[in-house]
Every structure is written in structure tokens, then in C-alpha cells.
């Protein structure tokens, strides 16, 4: 099971390859946080905690 953990200090995001089949929604909703062309591709520090919920 491939799992990655990303945190902004308040919110922790778990990315699980087998569960996150609709990650395109995240990319469209918060492109400043989710950018599959960059590494790491999830940067929760680029949004406020309420935006991440």
C-alpha cells in the first residue's frame, strides 16, 4: 500500500494511491496545493487550514 503524508502543521493529508482515484478534483480545486508536475506534488502549506477542509 503506497501512502504519503503531508502536513501544514494543523491538517495532515494522507495520499493513498489505491484510494485517491479522483485526485483531479483536488488539482482543480486547489492548484496551489496539488500540482502533480512538482515534487512533492502536495504542498498543504500553500493554503489555509479551512481551505484544506
Protein backbone atom coordinates (compact mmCIF):
# COMPACT_ATOMS: atom_id res chain seq x y z
CA UNK A 1 0.00 0.00 0.00
CA UNK A 2 1.54 3.29 -1.16
CA UNK A 3 0.81 6.09 1.33
CA UNK A 4 2.37 9.55 1.55
CA UNK A 5 1.84 12.00 4.41
CA UNK A 6 1.76 15.80 4.01
CA UNK A 7 1.05 18.36 6.74
CA UNK A 8 0.72 22.11 7.21
CA UNK A 9 1.02 21.77 11.00
CA UNK A 10 -2.76 21.74 11.58
CA UNK A 11 -4.04 19.39 8.89
CA UNK A 12 -2.42 16.16 7.77
CA UNK A 13 -3.22 14.84 4.31
CA UNK A 14 -2.77 11.14 3.60
CA UNK A 15 -2.41 10.27 -0.07
CA UNK A 16 -3.18 6.63 -0.79
CA UNK A 17 -2.73 5.62 -4.41
CA UNK A 18 -5.47 3.00 -4.34
CA UNK A 19 -7.99 5.35 -2.67
CA UNK A 20 -7.27 8.67 -4.37
CA UNK A 21 -8.71 7.89 -7.78
CA UNK A 22 -10.32 11.34 -8.10
CA UNK A 23 -7.27 13.46 -7.30
CA UNK A 24 -8.07 15.61 -10.35
CA UNK A 25 -10.75 17.26 -8.22
CA UNK A 26 -8.08 18.34 -5.74
CA UNK A 27 -5.85 19.67 -8.53
CA UNK A 28 -8.72 21.73 -9.98
CA UNK A 29 -9.94 22.98 -6.60
CA UNK A 30 -6.59 23.94 -5.02
CA UNK A 31 -3.90 24.02 -7.74
CA UNK A 32 -1.56 25.95 -5.42
CA UNK A 33 -1.58 22.89 -3.13
CA UNK A 34 -1.92 19.98 -5.57
CA UNK A 35 0.45 20.08 -8.55
CA UNK A 36 1.30 16.65 -9.98
CA UNK A 37 4.13 18.14 -12.07
CA UNK A 38 6.11 19.14 -8.96
CA UNK A 39 7.76 17.13 -6.20
CA UNK A 40 6.43 16.96 -3.63
CA UNK A 41 3.17 17.30 -5.51
CA UNK A 42 1.08 18.10 -2.42
CA UNK A 43 2.05 21.30 -0.58
CA UNK A 44 -0.52 21.91 2.17
CA UNK A 45 1.42 24.94 3.43
CA UNK A 46 0.17 26.81 0.32
CA UNK A 47 -3.39 27.02 1.68
CA UNK A 48 -5.09 27.87 4.94
CA UNK A 49 -6.43 25.10 7.15
CA UNK A 50 -10.10 25.96 6.33
CA UNK A 51 -9.30 25.78 2.59
CA UNK A 52 -7.93 22.27 3.02
CA UNK A 53 -11.13 21.02 4.59
